[in-house]
Amino acid sequence: MSSAINLLSPPWIAIRSQLREIFADRSEHRVLEQELADYTSEKDLHDLGAILDRHSDAETGDIRRILGARS
């Protein structure tokens, strides 16, 4: 009886797909953090806050979390 793992089986394909999605999400998050790093002055942050207030929390949640972690 062979104990080899078939990496092309549906469970392994699903796991690889989930990992790719996680890595892509993390990459996008890092890019967003880098873009937001340019907003440093009080005026910049105030202007950004005004822009964010025009949108729902669902749309701006990631940005608000990143900015909140910086303070």
N, C-alpha and C. Protein backbone atom coordinates (compact mmCIF):
# COMPACT_ATOMS: atom_id res chain seq x y z
N MET A 1 0.85 -1.17 0.00
CA MET A 1 0.00 0.00 0.00
C MET A 1 0.89 1.24 0.00
N SER A 2 0.63 2.13 -0.90
CA SER A 2 1.42 3.34 -1.04
C SER A 2 0.84 4.44 -0.18
N SER A 3 1.73 5.20 0.46
CA SER A 3 1.26 6.31 1.29
C SER A 3 1.56 7.66 0.63
N ALA A 4 1.74 7.62 -0.69
CA ALA A 4 2.02 8.86 -1.42
C ALA A 4 0.80 9.77 -1.40
N ILE A 5 1.07 11.04 -1.37
CA ILE A 5 -0.01 12.03 -1.35
C ILE A 5 -0.21 12.54 -2.77
N ASN A 6 -1.43 12.54 -3.21
CA ASN A 6 -1.77 13.05 -4.53
C ASN A 6 -2.05 14.54 -4.41
N LEU A 7 -1.08 15.35 -4.81
CA LEU A 7 -1.22 16.80 -4.68
C LEU A 7 -2.19 17.40 -5.69
N LEU A 8 -2.71 16.58 -6.57
CA LEU A 8 -3.69 17.05 -7.54
C LEU A 8 -5.11 16.67 -7.14
N SER A 9 -5.26 16.11 -5.95
CA SER A 9 -6.59 15.75 -5.48
C SER A 9 -7.36 17.02 -5.11
N PRO A 10 -8.68 16.97 -5.18
CA PRO A 10 -9.49 18.18 -4.91
C PRO A 10 -9.18 18.88 -3.59
N PRO A 11 -8.97 18.16 -2.48
CA PRO A 11 -8.67 18.89 -1.24
C PRO A 11 -7.37 19.71 -1.34
N TRP A 12 -6.35 19.14 -1.95
CA TRP A 12 -5.07 19.86 -2.09
C TRP A 12 -5.20 21.03 -3.06
N ILE A 13 -5.98 20.85 -4.10
CA ILE A 13 -6.22 21.95 -5.04
C ILE A 13 -6.92 23.09 -4.32
N ALA A 14 -7.89 22.78 -3.48
CA ALA A 14 -8.62 23.80 -2.73
C ALA A 14 -7.70 24.51 -1.74
N ILE A 15 -6.84 23.77 -1.08
CA ILE A 15 -5.91 24.37 -0.12
C ILE A 15 -4.96 25.32 -0.84
N ARG A 16 -4.41 24.89 -1.97
CA ARG A 16 -3.50 25.76 -2.73
C ARG A 16 -4.22 27.02 -3.21
N SER A 17 -5.46 26.87 -3.62
CA SER A 17 -6.24 28.02 -4.06
C SER A 17 -6.46 29.01 -2.92
N GLN A 18 -6.78 28.49 -1.74
CA GLN A 18 -6.98 29.35 -0.58
C GLN A 18 -5.69 30.06 -0.19
N LEU A 19 -4.58 29.36 -0.24
CA LEU A 19 -3.29 29.98 0.08
C LEU A 19 -2.94 31.09 -0.91
N ARG A 20 -3.19 30.84 -2.20
CA ARG A 20 -2.94 31.89 -3.20
C ARG A 20 -3.77 33.13 -2.90
N GLU A 21 -5.01 32.94 -2.51
CA GLU A 21 -5.89 34.06 -2.19
C GLU A 21 -5.39 34.81 -0.97
N ILE A 22 -4.95 34.09 0.06
CA ILE A 22 -4.42 34.71 1.27
C ILE A 22 -3.18 35.54 0.94
N PHE A 23 -2.26 34.96 0.16
CA PHE A 23 -1.04 35.67 -0.20
C PHE A 23 -1.34 36.90 -1.04
N ALA A 24 -2.31 36.81 -1.93
CA ALA A 24 -2.69 37.96 -2.75
C ALA A 24 -3.30 39.06 -1.88
N ASP A 25 -4.14 38.68 -0.92
CA ASP A 25 -4.75 39.65 -0.01
C ASP A 25 -3.68 40.36 0.82
N ARG A 26 -2.70 39.60 1.31
CA ARG A 26 -1.62 40.20 2.10
C ARG A 26 -0.80 41.15 1.25
N SER A 27 -0.56 40.77 0.02
CA SER A 27 0.21 41.62 -0.88
C SER A 27 -0.53 42.94 -1.14
N GLU A 28 -1.83 42.85 -1.39
CA GLU A 28 -2.64 44.05 -1.60
C GLU A 28 -2.64 44.93 -0.35
N HIS A 29 -2.68 44.30 0.81
CA HIS A 29 -2.68 45.05 2.07
C HIS A 29 -1.36 45.80 2.24
N ARG A 30 -0.24 45.15 1.92
CA ARG A 30 1.06 45.80 2.01
C ARG A 30 1.15 46.99 1.06
N VAL A 31 0.63 46.84 -0.15
CA VAL A 31 0.63 47.95 -1.12
C VAL A 31 -0.19 49.11 -0.57
N LEU A 32 -1.35 48.82 -0.01
CA LEU A 32 -2.20 49.86 0.57
C LEU A 32 -1.48 50.57 1.71
N GLU A 33 -0.81 49.81 2.58
CA GLU A 33 -0.04 50.41 3.67
C GLU A 33 1.03 51.35 3.13
N GLN A 34 1.72 50.93 2.08
CA GLN A 34 2.77 51.76 1.48
C GLN A 34 2.18 53.04 0.90
N GLU A 35 1.04 52.93 0.24
CA GLU A 35 0.40 54.11 -0.34
C GLU A 35 -0.06 55.09 0.74
N LEU A 36 -0.58 54.55 1.84
CA LEU A 36 -1.07 55.40 2.92
C LEU A 36 0.08 56.00 3.73
N ALA A 37 1.27 55.45 3.63
CA ALA A 37 2.42 55.98 4.37
C ALA A 37 2.75 57.40 3.95
N ASP A 38 2.33 57.81 2.75
CA ASP A 38 2.57 59.17 2.28
C ASP A 38 1.72 60.21 3.01
N TYR A 39 0.65 59.77 3.63
CA TYR A 39 -0.25 60.69 4.36
C TYR A 39 0.29 60.82 5.79
N THR A 40 1.07 61.85 6.02
CA THR A 40 1.72 61.99 7.33
C THR A 40 1.32 63.26 8.06
N SER A 41 1.08 64.34 7.34
CA SER A 41 0.77 65.60 8.02
C SER A 41 -0.67 65.57 8.53
N GLU A 42 -0.93 66.43 9.50
CA GLU A 42 -2.28 66.52 10.06
C GLU A 42 -3.28 66.91 8.98
N LYS A 43 -2.88 67.81 8.08
CA LYS A 43 -3.77 68.24 6.99
C LYS A 43 -4.06 67.07 6.05
N ASP A 44 -3.03 66.31 5.69
CA ASP A 44 -3.23 65.14 4.82
C ASP A 44 -4.22 64.16 5.45
N LEU A 45 -4.02 63.88 6.72
CA LEU A 45 -4.88 62.92 7.40
C LEU A 45 -6.31 63.46 7.55
N HIS A 46 -6.43 64.75 7.78
CA HIS A 46 -7.77 65.37 7.86
C HIS A 46 -8.48 65.26 6.51
N ASP A 47 -7.76 65.58 5.42
CA ASP A 47 -8.36 65.48 4.08
C ASP A 47 -8.75 64.04 3.76
N LEU A 48 -7.88 63.11 4.10
CA LEU A 48 -8.18 61.70 3.87
C LEU A 48 -9.40 61.27 4.68
N GLY A 49 -9.47 61.72 5.93
CA GLY A 49 -10.63 61.41 6.77
C GLY A 49 -11.92 61.93 6.16
N ALA A 50 -11.86 63.14 5.59
CA ALA A 50 -13.06 63.71 4.95
C ALA A 50 -13.49 62.87 3.75
N ILE A 51 -12.52 62.40 3.01
CA ILE A 51 -12.83 61.53 1.86
C ILE A 51 -13.45 60.22 2.34
N LEU A 52 -12.86 59.64 3.37
CA LEU A 52 -13.35 58.36 3.88
C LEU A 52 -14.76 58.50 4.45
N ASP A 53 -15.07 59.64 5.04
CA ASP A 53 -16.40 59.86 5.63
C ASP A 53 -17.51 59.84 4.58
N ARG A 54 -17.16 60.02 3.33
CA ARG A 54 -18.17 60.00 2.25
C ARG A 54 -18.54 58.58 1.82
N HIS A 55 -17.85 57.61 2.39
CA HIS A 55 -18.06 56.21 1.99
C HIS A 55 -18.40 55.37 3.21
N SER A 56 -18.95 54.21 2.96
CA SER A 56 -19.38 53.33 4.05
C SER A 56 -18.18 52.70 4.76
N ASP A 57 -18.42 52.24 5.98
CA ASP A 57 -17.37 51.55 6.74
C ASP A 57 -16.92 50.28 6.03
N ALA A 58 -17.84 49.64 5.34
CA ALA A 58 -17.48 48.42 4.60
C ALA A 58 -16.46 48.73 3.51
N GLU A 59 -16.61 49.89 2.88
CA GLU A 59 -15.71 50.27 1.80
C GLU A 59 -14.37 50.80 2.32
N THR A 60 -14.36 51.40 3.49
CA THR A 60 -13.16 52.08 3.99
C THR A 60 -12.53 51.38 5.19
N GLY A 61 -13.07 50.26 5.59
CA GLY A 61 -12.60 49.58 6.80
C GLY A 61 -11.10 49.28 6.80
N ASP A 62 -10.59 48.76 5.70
CA ASP A 62 -9.16 48.43 5.65
C ASP A 62 -8.31 49.67 5.83
N ILE A 63 -8.69 50.75 5.17
CA ILE A 63 -7.92 52.00 5.26
C ILE A 63 -7.97 52.53 6.69
N ARG A 64 -9.14 52.52 7.28
CA ARG A 64 -9.27 53.03 8.65
C ARG A 64 -8.47 52.18 9.64
N ARG A 65 -8.44 50.86 9.44
CA ARG A 65 -7.66 49.99 10.33
C ARG A 65 -6.17 50.28 10.21
N ILE A 66 -5.71 50.48 8.99
CA ILE A 66 -4.29 50.77 8.77
C ILE A 66 -3.93 52.11 9.42
N LEU A 67 -4.76 53.12 9.20
CA LEU A 67 -4.50 54.43 9.79
C LEU A 67 -4.57 54.37 11.32
N GLY A 68 -5.53 53.61 11.82
CA GLY A 68 -5.66 53.47 13.28
C GLY A 68 -4.47 52.78 13.92
N ALA A 69 -3.89 51.84 13.23
CA ALA A 69 -2.73 51.12 13.75
C ALA A 69 -1.50 52.01 13.80
N ARG A 70 -1.48 53.03 12.98
CA ARG A 70 -0.33 53.94 12.95
C ARG A 70 -0.34 54.92 14.11
N SER A 71 -1.52 55.22 14.65
CA SER A 71 -1.59 56.23 15.71
C SER A 71 -1.23 55.69 17.06
